[in-house]
Amino acid sequence: MANFQTVAKTSDVAPGKLIKVAGDVVIANVDGEFFAFSCRCPHDNGPLDKGSLSGDIVMCPLHFAQFNVRTGEPLKGGVTKDSVPTYELRLEGDEIQISKG
């Protein structure tokens, strides 16, 4: 059974924005859908919470690696073939909850 913890409120993450929560997790709001993934780019440990979000693609600010926030998969032709870890997320009312286990 997953162990969920509240990390933010839906109002904390505007559409098209990212926020860092729980130390090393980023929450992305893609048109009202929320996704959770690791803060660290697998290529060179870049801070994905400081990257840019375009649709469901986050771009690392260091070497411009791009990842799908829904799946963690890197875009083809980028600097890495490694995926970003993603986390199970659920909404309880206006609370965003994640499970890292």
PDB file of N, CA and C in Angstrom:
ATOM      1  N   MET A   1       0.840  -1.181   0.000  1.00  0.00           N
ATOM      2  CA  MET A   1       0.000   0.000   0.000  1.00  0.00           C
ATOM      3  C   MET A   1       0.889   1.249   0.000  1.00  0.00           C
ATOM      4  N   ALA A   2       0.552   2.186  -0.856  1.00  0.00           N
ATOM      5  CA  ALA A   2       1.331   3.415  -0.974  1.00  0.00           C
ATOM      6  C   ALA A   2       1.125   4.300   0.252  1.00  0.00           C
ATOM      7  N   ASN A   3       2.198   4.966   0.647  1.00  0.00           N
ATOM      8  CA  ASN A   3       2.157   5.897   1.762  1.00  0.00           C
ATOM      9  C   ASN A   3       2.217   7.310   1.188  1.00  0.00           C
ATOM     10  N   PHE A   4       1.088   8.009   1.195  1.00  0.00           N
ATOM     11  CA  PHE A   4       1.013   9.347   0.611  1.00  0.00           C
ATOM     12  C   PHE A   4       1.227  10.418   1.671  1.00  0.00           C
ATOM     13  N   GLN A   5       1.880  11.506   1.253  1.00  0.00           N
ATOM     14  CA  GLN A   5       2.039  12.660   2.127  1.00  0.00           C
ATOM     15  C   GLN A   5       1.642  13.913   1.368  1.00  0.00           C
ATOM     16  N   THR A   6       0.998  14.831   2.070  1.00  0.00           N
ATOM     17  CA  THR A   6       0.610  16.108   1.479  1.00  0.00           C
ATOM     18  C   THR A   6       1.855  16.972   1.324  1.00  0.00           C
ATOM     19  N   VAL A   7       2.042  17.518   0.106  1.00  0.00           N
ATOM     20  CA  VAL A   7       3.231  18.329  -0.157  1.00  0.00           C
ATOM     21  C   VAL A   7       2.903  19.749  -0.616  1.00  0.00           C
ATOM     22  N   ALA A   8       1.662  19.976  -1.052  1.00  0.00           N
ATOM     23  CA  ALA A   8       1.275  21.307  -1.538  1.00  0.00           C
ATOM     24  C   ALA A   8      -0.232  21.349  -1.699  1.00  0.00           C
ATOM     25  N   LYS A   9      -0.727  22.526  -1.983  1.00  0.00           N
ATOM     26  CA  LYS A   9      -2.132  22.714  -2.347  1.00  0.00           C
ATOM     27  C   LYS A   9      -2.177  23.002  -3.851  1.00  0.00           C
ATOM     28  N   THR A  10      -3.293  22.670  -4.467  1.00  0.00           N
ATOM     29  CA  THR A  10      -3.403  22.892  -5.913  1.00  0.00           C
ATOM     30  C   THR A  10      -3.208  24.365  -6.262  1.00  0.00           C
ATOM     31  N   SER A  11      -3.614  25.253  -5.376  1.00  0.00           N
ATOM     32  CA  SER A  11      -3.454  26.694  -5.628  1.00  0.00           C
ATOM     33  C   SER A  11      -1.998  27.144  -5.579  1.00  0.00           C
ATOM     34  N   ASP A  12      -1.103  26.301  -5.057  1.00  0.00           N
ATOM     35  CA  ASP A  12       0.323  26.641  -4.989  1.00  0.00           C
ATOM     36  C   ASP A  12       1.022  26.516  -6.337  1.00  0.00           C
ATOM     37  N   VAL A  13       0.394  25.772  -7.265  1.00  0.00           N
ATOM     38  CA  VAL A  13       1.046  25.487  -8.552  1.00  0.00           C
ATOM     39  C   VAL A  13       0.147  25.976  -9.681  1.00  0.00           C
ATOM     40  N   ALA A  14       0.447  27.142 -10.198  1.00  0.00           N
ATOM     41  CA  ALA A  14      -0.351  27.710 -11.286  1.00  0.00           C
ATOM     42  C   ALA A  14      -0.170  26.874 -12.559  1.00  0.00           C
ATOM     43  N   PRO A  15      -1.155  26.885 -13.446  1.00  0.00           N
ATOM     44  CA  PRO A  15      -1.007  26.158 -14.713  1.00  0.00           C
ATOM     45  C   PRO A  15       0.259  26.595 -15.460  1.00  0.00           C
ATOM     46  N   GLY A  16       0.989  25.609 -15.957  1.00  0.00           N
ATOM     47  CA  GLY A  16       2.222  25.888 -16.697  1.00  0.00           C
ATOM     48  C   GLY A  16       3.421  26.168 -15.814  1.00  0.00           C
ATOM     49  N   LYS A  17       3.296  25.930 -14.515  1.00  0.00           N
ATOM     50  CA  LYS A  17       4.374  26.227 -13.569  1.00  0.00           C
ATOM     51  C   LYS A  17       4.873  24.981 -12.861  1.00  0.00           C
ATOM     52  N   LEU A  18       6.040  25.124 -12.231  1.00  0.00           N
ATOM     53  CA  LEU A  18       6.692  24.080 -11.446  1.00  0.00           C
ATOM     54  C   LEU A  18       6.952  24.609 -10.045  1.00  0.00           C
ATOM     55  N   ILE A  19       6.884  23.731  -9.044  1.00  0.00           N
ATOM     56  CA  ILE A  19       7.369  24.086  -7.710  1.00  0.00           C
ATOM     57  C   ILE A  19       8.122  22.891  -7.132  1.00  0.00           C
ATOM     58  N   LYS A  20       9.105  23.207  -6.308  1.00  0.00           N
ATOM     59  CA  LYS A  20       9.861  22.171  -5.599  1.00  0.00           C
ATOM     60  C   LYS A  20       9.195  21.932  -4.254  1.00  0.00           C
ATOM     61  N   VAL A  21       9.014  20.644  -3.912  1.00  0.00           N
ATOM     62  CA  VAL A  21       8.380  20.267  -2.643  1.00  0.00           C
ATOM     63  C   VAL A  21       9.149  19.095  -2.043  1.00  0.00           C
ATOM     64  N   ALA A  22       8.911  18.832  -0.790  1.00  0.00           N
ATOM     65  CA  ALA A  22       9.444  17.642  -0.111  1.00  0.00           C
ATOM     66  C   ALA A  22      10.932  17.427  -0.368  1.00  0.00           C
ATOM     67  N   GLY A  23      11.679  18.516  -0.456  1.00  0.00           N
ATOM     68  CA  GLY A  23      13.127  18.420  -0.591  1.00  0.00           C
ATOM     69  C   GLY A  23      13.660  18.147  -1.970  1.00  0.00           C
ATOM     70  N   ASP A  24      13.159  17.108  -2.643  1.00  0.00           N
ATOM     71  CA  ASP A  24      13.759  16.725  -3.923  1.00  0.00           C
ATOM     72  C   ASP A  24      12.726  16.334  -4.974  1.00  0.00           C
ATOM     73  N   VAL A  25      11.512  16.853  -4.848  1.00  0.00           N
ATOM     74  CA  VAL A  25      10.430  16.522  -5.776  1.00  0.00           C
ATOM     75  C   VAL A  25       9.918  17.805  -6.416  1.00  0.00           C
ATOM     76  N   VAL A  26       9.588  17.718  -7.697  1.00  0.00           N
ATOM     77  CA  VAL A  26       8.984  18.838  -8.412  1.00  0.00           C
ATOM     78  C   VAL A  26       7.545  18.457  -8.750  1.00  0.00           C
ATOM     79  N   ILE A  27       6.635  19.409  -8.551  1.00  0.00           N
ATOM     80  CA  ILE A  27       5.255  19.255  -8.983  1.00  0.00           C
ATOM     81  C   ILE A  27       5.065  20.179 -10.177  1.00  0.00           C
ATOM     82  N   ALA A  28       4.498  19.621 -11.264  1.00  0.00           N
ATOM     83  CA  ALA A  28       4.187  20.402 -12.460  1.00  0.00           C
ATOM     84  C   ALA A  28       2.674  20.427 -12.642  1.00  0.00           C
ATOM     85  N   ASN A  29       2.158  21.570 -13.068  1.00  0.00           N
ATOM     86  CA  ASN A  29       0.743  21.713 -13.400  1.00  0.00           C
ATOM     87  C   ASN A  29       0.647  21.854 -14.912  1.00  0.00           C
ATOM     88  N   VAL A  30       0.107  20.821 -15.563  1.00  0.00           N
ATOM     89  CA  VAL A  30      -0.067  20.819 -17.015  1.00  0.00           C
ATOM     90  C   VAL A  30      -1.565  20.897 -17.289  1.00  0.00           C
ATOM     91  N   ASP A  31      -2.032  22.111 -17.552  1.00  0.00           N
ATOM     92  CA  ASP A  31      -3.446  22.331 -17.854  1.00  0.00           C
ATOM     93  C   ASP A  31      -4.379  21.730 -16.802  1.00  0.00           C
ATOM     94  N   GLY A  32      -4.030  21.905 -15.531  1.00  0.00           N
ATOM     95  CA  GLY A  32      -4.875  21.421 -14.445  1.00  0.00           C
ATOM     96  C   GLY A  32      -4.601  19.994 -14.002  1.00  0.00           C
ATOM     97  N   GLU A  33      -3.697  19.298 -14.678  1.00  0.00           N
ATOM     98  CA  GLU A  33      -3.251  17.966 -14.250  1.00  0.00           C
ATOM     99  C   GLU A  33      -1.911  18.134 -13.560  1.00  0.00           C
ATOM    100  N   PHE A  34      -1.714  17.409 -12.474  1.00  0.00           N
ATOM    101  CA  PHE A  34      -0.498  17.543 -11.688  1.00  0.00           C
ATOM    102  C   PHE A  34       0.357  16.290 -11.814  1.00  0.00           C
ATOM    103  N   PHE A  35       1.674  16.508 -11.892  1.00  0.00           N
ATOM    104  CA  PHE A  35       2.634  15.418 -12.031  1.00  0.00           C
ATOM    105  C   PHE A  35       3.799  15.660 -11.086  1.00  0.00           C
ATOM    106  N   ALA A  36       4.359  14.565 -10.555  1.00  0.00           N
ATOM    107  CA  ALA A  36       5.476  14.654  -9.609  1.00  0.00           C
ATOM    108  C   ALA A  36       6.659  13.893 -10.164  1.00  0.00           C
ATOM    109  N   PHE A  37       7.847  14.509 -10.055  1.00  0.00           N
ATOM    110  CA  PHE A  37       9.068  13.878 -10.554  1.00  0.00           C
ATOM    111  C   PHE A  37      10.275  14.397  -9.780  1.00  0.00           C
ATOM    112  N   SER A  38      11.390  13.717  -9.952  1.00  0.00           N
ATOM    113  CA  SER A  38      12.621  14.084  -9.254  1.00  0.00           C
ATOM    114  C   SER A  38      13.092  15.470  -9.648  1.00  0.00           C
ATOM    115  N   CYS A  39      13.648  16.159  -8.695  1.00  0.00           N
ATOM    116  CA  CYS A  39      14.179  17.494  -8.920  1.00  0.00           C
ATOM    117  C   CYS A  39      15.485  17.469  -9.718  1.00  0.00           C
ATOM    118  N   ARG A  40      16.143  16.339  -9.761  1.00  0.00           N
ATOM    119  CA  ARG A  40      17.479  16.258 -10.345  1.00  0.00           C
ATOM    120  C   ARG A  40      17.501  15.624 -11.725  1.00  0.00           C
ATOM    121  N   CYS A  41      18.082  16.331 -12.677  1.00  0.00           N
ATOM    122  CA  CYS A  41      18.275  15.814 -14.033  1.00  0.00           C
ATOM    123  C   CYS A  41      19.267  14.655 -13.972  1.00  0.00           C
ATOM    124  N   PRO A  42      18.964  13.535 -14.606  1.00  0.00           N
ATOM    125  CA  PRO A  42      19.877  12.391 -14.553  1.00  0.00           C
ATOM    126  C   PRO A  42      21.161  12.604 -15.342  1.00  0.00           C
ATOM    127  N   HIS A  43      21.216  13.618 -16.183  1.00  0.00           N
ATOM    128  CA  HIS A  43      22.420  13.862 -16.975  1.00  0.00           C
ATOM    129  C   HIS A  43      23.558  14.429 -16.133  1.00  0.00           C
ATOM    130  N   ASP A  44      23.301  15.547 -15.445  1.00  0.00           N
ATOM    131  CA  ASP A  44      24.367  16.199 -14.682  1.00  0.00           C
ATOM    132  C   ASP A  44      23.833  16.795 -13.380  1.00  0.00           C
ATOM    133  N   ASN A  45      22.752  16.182 -12.853  1.00  0.00           N
ATOM    134  CA  ASN A  45      22.196  16.589 -11.568  1.00  0.00           C
ATOM    135  C   ASN A  45      21.625  18.009 -11.571  1.00  0.00           C
ATOM    136  N   GLY A  46      21.241  18.511 -12.741  1.00  0.00           N
ATOM    137  CA  GLY A  46      20.697  19.860 -12.849  1.00  0.00           C
ATOM    138  C   GLY A  46      19.376  20.008 -12.108  1.00  0.00           C
ATOM    139  N   PRO A  47      19.069  21.215 -11.633  1.00  0.00           N
ATOM    140  CA  PRO A  47      17.852  21.466 -10.845  1.00  0.00           C
ATOM    141  C   PRO A  47      16.627  21.652 -11.750  1.00  0.00           C
ATOM    142  N   LEU A  48      15.849  20.599 -11.949  1.00  0.00           N
ATOM    143  CA  LEU A  48      14.705  20.684 -12.848  1.00  0.00           C
ATOM    144  C   LEU A  48      13.642  21.670 -12.365  1.00  0.00           C
ATOM    145  N   ASP A  49      13.608  21.953 -11.066  1.00  0.00           N
ATOM    146  CA  ASP A  49      12.654  22.951 -10.577  1.00  0.00           C
ATOM    147  C   ASP A  49      12.997  24.356 -11.073  1.00  0.00           C
ATOM    148  N   LYS A  50      14.201  24.554 -11.538  1.00  0.00           N
ATOM    149  CA  LYS A  50      14.620  25.846 -12.097  1.00  0.00           C
ATOM    150  C   LYS A  50      14.506  25.847 -13.614  1.00  0.00           C
ATOM    151  N   GLY A  51      14.056  24.719 -14.189  1.00  0.00           N
ATOM    152  CA  GLY A  51      13.903  24.602 -15.634  1.00  0.00           C
ATOM    153  C   GLY A  51      12.617  25.247 -16.109  1.00  0.00           C
ATOM    154  N   SER A  52      12.373  25.104 -17.401  1.00  0.00           N
ATOM    155  CA  SER A  52      11.160  25.656 -17.981  1.00  0.00           C
ATOM    156  C   SER A  52      10.207  24.528 -18.344  1.00  0.00           C
ATOM    157  N   LEU A  53       8.907  24.836 -18.265  1.00  0.00           N
ATOM    158  CA  LEU A  53       7.862  23.876 -18.580  1.00  0.00           C
ATOM    159  C   LEU A  53       7.112  24.379 -19.799  1.00  0.00           C
ATOM    160  N   SER A  54       7.033  23.527 -20.816  1.00  0.00           N
ATOM    161  CA  SER A  54       6.284  23.843 -22.031  1.00  0.00           C
ATOM    162  C   SER A  54       5.377  22.660 -22.323  1.00  0.00           C
ATOM    163  N   GLY A  55       4.082  22.853 -22.092  1.00  0.00           N
ATOM    164  CA  GLY A  55       3.164  21.716 -22.202  1.00  0.00           C
ATOM    165  C   GLY A  55       3.528  20.706 -21.135  1.00  0.00           C
ATOM    166  N   ASP A  56       3.794  19.457 -21.561  1.00  0.00           N
ATOM    167  CA  ASP A  56       4.190  18.436 -20.582  1.00  0.00           C
ATOM    168  C   ASP A  56       5.678  18.102 -20.670  1.00  0.00           C
ATOM    169  N   ILE A  57       6.474  19.054 -21.154  1.00  0.00           N
ATOM    170  CA  ILE A  57       7.920  18.880 -21.280  1.00  0.00           C
ATOM    171  C   ILE A  57       8.647  19.866 -20.367  1.00  0.00           C
ATOM    172  N   VAL A  58       9.535  19.324 -19.516  1.00  0.00           N
ATOM    173  CA  VAL A  58      10.388  20.173 -18.683  1.00  0.00           C
ATOM    174  C   VAL A  58      11.788  20.147 -19.285  1.00  0.00           C
ATOM    175  N   MET A  59      12.432  21.324 -19.297  1.00  0.00           N
ATOM    176  CA  MET A  59      13.781  21.432 -19.836  1.00  0.00           C
ATOM    177  C   MET A  59      14.741  21.814 -18.722  1.00  0.00           C
ATOM    178  N   CYS A  60      15.811  21.039 -18.589  1.00  0.00           N
ATOM    179  CA  CYS A  60      16.842  21.311 -17.593  1.00  0.00           C
ATOM    180  C   CYS A  60      17.562  22.614 -17.944  1.00  0.00           C
ATOM    181  N   PRO A  61      17.803  23.471 -16.950  1.00  0.00           N
ATOM    182  CA  PRO A  61      18.461  24.744 -17.232  1.00  0.00           C
ATOM    183  C   PRO A  61      19.965  24.625 -17.493  1.00  0.00           C
ATOM    184  N   LEU A  62      20.580  23.482 -17.193  1.00  0.00           N
ATOM    185  CA  LEU A  62      22.028  23.363 -17.377  1.00  0.00           C
ATOM    186  C   LEU A  62      22.434  23.012 -18.805  1.00  0.00           C
ATOM    187  N   HIS A  63      21.929  21.889 -19.309  1.00  0.00           N
ATOM    188  CA  HIS A  63      22.339  21.431 -20.637  1.00  0.00           C
ATOM    189  C   HIS A  63      21.158  21.192 -21.559  1.00  0.00           C
ATOM    190  N   PHE A  64      19.987  21.672 -21.136  1.00  0.00           N
ATOM    191  CA  PHE A  64      18.778  21.692 -21.962  1.00  0.00           C
ATOM    192  C   PHE A  64      18.199  20.317 -22.287  1.00  0.00           C
ATOM    193  N   ALA A  65      18.497  19.319 -21.452  1.00  0.00           N
ATOM    194  CA  ALA A  65      17.852  18.018 -21.597  1.00  0.00           C
ATOM    195  C   ALA A  65      16.355  18.210 -21.362  1.00  0.00           C
ATOM    196  N   GLN A  66      15.533  17.489 -22.100  1.00  0.00           N
ATOM    197  CA  GLN A  66      14.092  17.622 -21.989  1.00  0.00           C
ATOM    198  C   GLN A  66      13.465  16.288 -21.625  1.00  0.00           C
ATOM    199  N   PHE A  67      12.449  16.357 -20.757  1.00  0.00           N
ATOM    200  CA  PHE A  67      11.784  15.161 -20.244  1.00  0.00           C
ATOM    201  C   PHE A  67      10.278  15.367 -20.223  1.00  0.00           C
ATOM    202  N   ASN A  68       9.539  14.291 -20.474  1.00  0.00           N
ATOM    203  CA  ASN A  68       8.097  14.310 -20.367  1.00  0.00           C
ATOM    204  C   ASN A  68       7.740  14.175 -18.888  1.00  0.00           C
ATOM    205  N   VAL A  69       7.016  15.142 -18.336  1.00  0.00           N
ATOM    206  CA  VAL A  69       6.700  15.119 -16.906  1.00  0.00           C
ATOM    207  C   VAL A  69       5.684  14.032 -16.558  1.00  0.00           C
ATOM    208  N   ARG A  70       4.955  13.546 -17.539  1.00  0.00           N
ATOM    209  CA  ARG A  70       3.974  12.473 -17.314  1.00  0.00           C
ATOM    210  C   ARG A  70       4.664  11.133 -17.078  1.00  0.00           C
ATOM    211  N   THR A  71       5.750  10.891 -17.826  1.00  0.00           N
ATOM    212  CA  THR A  71       6.401   9.578 -17.817  1.00  0.00           C
ATOM    213  C   THR A  71       7.836   9.596 -17.313  1.00  0.00           C
ATOM    214  N   GLY A  72       8.479  10.771 -17.332  1.00  0.00           N
ATOM    215  CA  GLY A  72       9.890  10.877 -16.976  1.00  0.00           C
ATOM    216  C   GLY A  72      10.825  10.575 -18.128  1.00  0.00           C
ATOM    217  N   GLU A  73      10.271  10.155 -19.265  1.00  0.00           N
ATOM    218  CA  GLU A  73      11.100   9.772 -20.407  1.00  0.00           C
ATOM    219  C   GLU A  73      11.796  10.985 -21.024  1.00  0.00           C
ATOM    220  N   PRO A  74      13.082  10.811 -21.421  1.00  0.00           N
ATOM    221  CA  PRO A  74      13.789  11.898 -22.097  1.00  0.00           C
ATOM    222  C   PRO A  74      13.327  12.011 -23.545  1.00  0.00           C
ATOM    223  N   LEU A  75      13.418  13.203 -24.101  1.00  0.00           N
ATOM    224  CA  LEU A  75      13.116  13.370 -25.514  1.00  0.00           C
ATOM    225  C   LEU A  75      14.278  12.846 -26.335  1.00  0.00           C
ATOM    226  N   LYS A  76      13.965  12.294 -27.470  1.00  0.00           N
ATOM    227  CA  LYS A  76      14.999  11.753 -28.353  1.00  0.00           C
ATOM    228  C   LYS A  76      15.934  12.867 -28.813  1.00  0.00           C
ATOM    229  N   GLY A  77      17.196  12.520 -28.958  1.00  0.00           N
ATOM    230  CA  GLY A  77      18.180  13.481 -29.428  1.00  0.00           C
ATOM    231  C   GLY A  77      18.760  14.360 -28.338  1.00  0.00           C
ATOM    232  N   GLY A  78      18.347  14.150 -27.090  1.00  0.00           N
ATOM    233  CA  GLY A  78      18.851  14.958 -25.987  1.00  0.00           C
ATOM    234  C   GLY A  78      20.198  14.462 -25.493  1.00  0.00           C
ATOM    235  N   VAL A  79      20.684  15.052 -24.419  1.00  0.00           N
ATOM    236  CA  VAL A  79      22.006  14.717 -23.892  1.00  0.00           C
ATOM    237  C   VAL A  79      22.010  13.470 -23.016  1.00  0.00           C
ATOM    238  N   THR A  80      20.839  12.893 -22.732  1.00  0.00           N
ATOM    239  CA  THR A  80      20.788  11.689 -21.904  1.00  0.00           C
ATOM    240  C   THR A  80      19.692  10.755 -22.395  1.00  0.00           C
ATOM    241  N   LYS A  81      19.893   9.473 -22.144  1.00  0.00           N
ATOM    242  CA  LYS A  81      18.863   8.474 -22.444  1.00  0.00           C
ATOM    243  C   LYS A  81      18.198   7.991 -21.165  1.00  0.00           C
ATOM    244  N   ASP A  82      18.632   8.546 -20.032  1.00  0.00           N
ATOM    245  CA  ASP A  82      18.087   8.159 -18.736  1.00  0.00           C
ATOM    246  C   ASP A  82      16.804   8.939 -18.435  1.00  0.00           C
ATOM    247  N   SER A  83      15.861   8.260 -17.829  1.00  0.00           N
ATOM    248  CA  SER A  83      14.599   8.887 -17.435  1.00  0.00           C
ATOM    249  C   SER A  83      14.733   9.578 -16.083  1.00  0.00           C
ATOM    250  N   VAL A  84      13.851  10.532 -15.854  1.00  0.00           N
ATOM    251  CA  VAL A  84      13.711  11.173 -14.554  1.00  0.00           C
ATOM    252  C   VAL A  84      12.722  10.333 -13.748  1.00  0.00           C
ATOM    253  N   PRO A  85      13.066   9.985 -12.512  1.00  0.00           N
ATOM    254  CA  PRO A  85      12.097   9.243 -11.691  1.00  0.00           C
ATOM    255  C   PRO A  85      10.816  10.054 -11.493  1.00  0.00           C
ATOM    256  N   THR A  86       9.684   9.370 -11.598  1.00  0.00           N
ATOM    257  CA  THR A  86       8.394   9.997 -11.348  1.00  0.00           C
ATOM    258  C   THR A  86       7.782   9.364 -10.099  1.00  0.00           C
ATOM    259  N   TYR A  87       6.821  10.070  -9.510  1.00  0.00           N
ATOM    260  CA  TYR A  87       6.197   9.610  -8.275  1.00  0.00           C
ATOM    261  C   TYR A  87       4.690   9.588  -8.425  1.00  0.00           C
ATOM    262  N   GLU A  88       4.075   8.639  -7.734  1.00  0.00           N
ATOM    263  CA  GLU A  88       2.625   8.554  -7.734  1.00  0.00           C
ATOM    264  C   GLU A  88       2.068   9.783  -7.030  1.00  0.00           C
ATOM    265  N   LEU A  89       1.035  10.359  -7.617  1.00  0.00           N
ATOM    266  CA  LEU A  89       0.437  11.587  -7.088  1.00  0.00           C
ATOM    267  C   LEU A  89      -1.071  11.398  -7.051  1.00  0.00           C
ATOM    268  N   ARG A  90      -1.686  11.963  -6.041  1.00  0.00           N
ATOM    269  CA  ARG A  90      -3.146  11.986  -5.977  1.00  0.00           C
ATOM    270  C   ARG A  90      -3.597  13.307  -5.384  1.00  0.00           C
ATOM    271  N   LEU A  91      -4.835  13.657  -5.663  1.00  0.00           N
ATOM    272  CA  LEU A  91      -5.445  14.852  -5.099  1.00  0.00           C
ATOM    273  C   LEU A  91      -6.476  14.431  -4.064  1.00  0.00           C
ATOM    274  N   GLU A  92      -6.409  15.061  -2.914  1.00  0.00           N
ATOM    275  CA  GLU A  92      -7.407  14.889  -1.856  1.00  0.00           C
ATOM    276  C   GLU A  92      -7.970  16.278  -1.595  1.00  0.00           C
ATOM    277  N   GLY A  93      -9.106  16.570  -2.217  1.00  0.00           N
ATOM    278  CA  GLY A  93      -9.642  17.931  -2.138  1.00  0.00           C
ATOM    279  C   GLY A  93      -8.681  18.850  -2.874  1.00  0.00           C
ATOM    280  N   ASP A  94      -8.177  19.867  -2.162  1.00  0.00           N
ATOM    281  CA  ASP A  94      -7.212  20.776  -2.785  1.00  0.00           C
ATOM    282  C   ASP A  94      -5.764  20.448  -2.397  1.00  0.00           C
ATOM    283  N   GLU A  95      -5.558  19.303  -1.753  1.00  0.00           N
ATOM    284  CA  GLU A  95      -4.212  18.897  -1.350  1.00  0.00           C
ATOM    285  C   GLU A  95      -3.582  17.996  -2.412  1.00  0.00           C
ATOM    286  N   ILE A  96      -2.322  18.285  -2.720  1.00  0.00           N
ATOM    287  CA  ILE A  96      -1.525  17.422  -3.608  1.00  0.00           C
ATOM    288  C   ILE A  96      -0.734  16.483  -2.719  1.00  0.00           C
ATOM    289  N   GLN A  97      -0.898  15.203  -2.946  1.00  0.00           N
ATOM    290  CA  GLN A  97      -0.205  14.199  -2.150  1.00  0.00           C
ATOM    291  C   GLN A  97       0.640  13.329  -3.080  1.00  0.00           C
ATOM    292  N   ILE A  98       1.834  12.965  -2.591  1.00  0.00           N
ATOM    293  CA  ILE A  98       2.702  12.084  -3.371  1.00  0.00           C
ATOM    294  C   ILE A  98       3.104  10.883  -2.536  1.00  0.00           C
ATOM    295  N   SER A  99       3.463   9.839  -3.244  1.00  0.00           N
ATOM    296  CA  SER A  99       4.030   8.647  -2.625  1.00  0.00           C
ATOM    297  C   SER A  99       5.361   8.373  -3.300  1.00  0.00           C
ATOM    298  N   LYS A 100       6.404   8.311  -2.522  1.00  0.00           N
ATOM    299  CA  LYS A 100       7.735   8.016  -3.066  1.00  0.00           C
ATOM    300  C   LYS A 100       8.101   6.558  -2.863  1.00  0.00           C
ATOM    301  N   GLY A 101       7.153   5.748  -2.385  1.00  0.00           N
ATOM    302  CA  GLY A 101       7.453   4.361  -2.086  1.00  0.00           C
ATOM    303  C   GLY A 101       6.720   3.439  -2.939  1.00  0.00           C
TER     304      GLY A 101
END
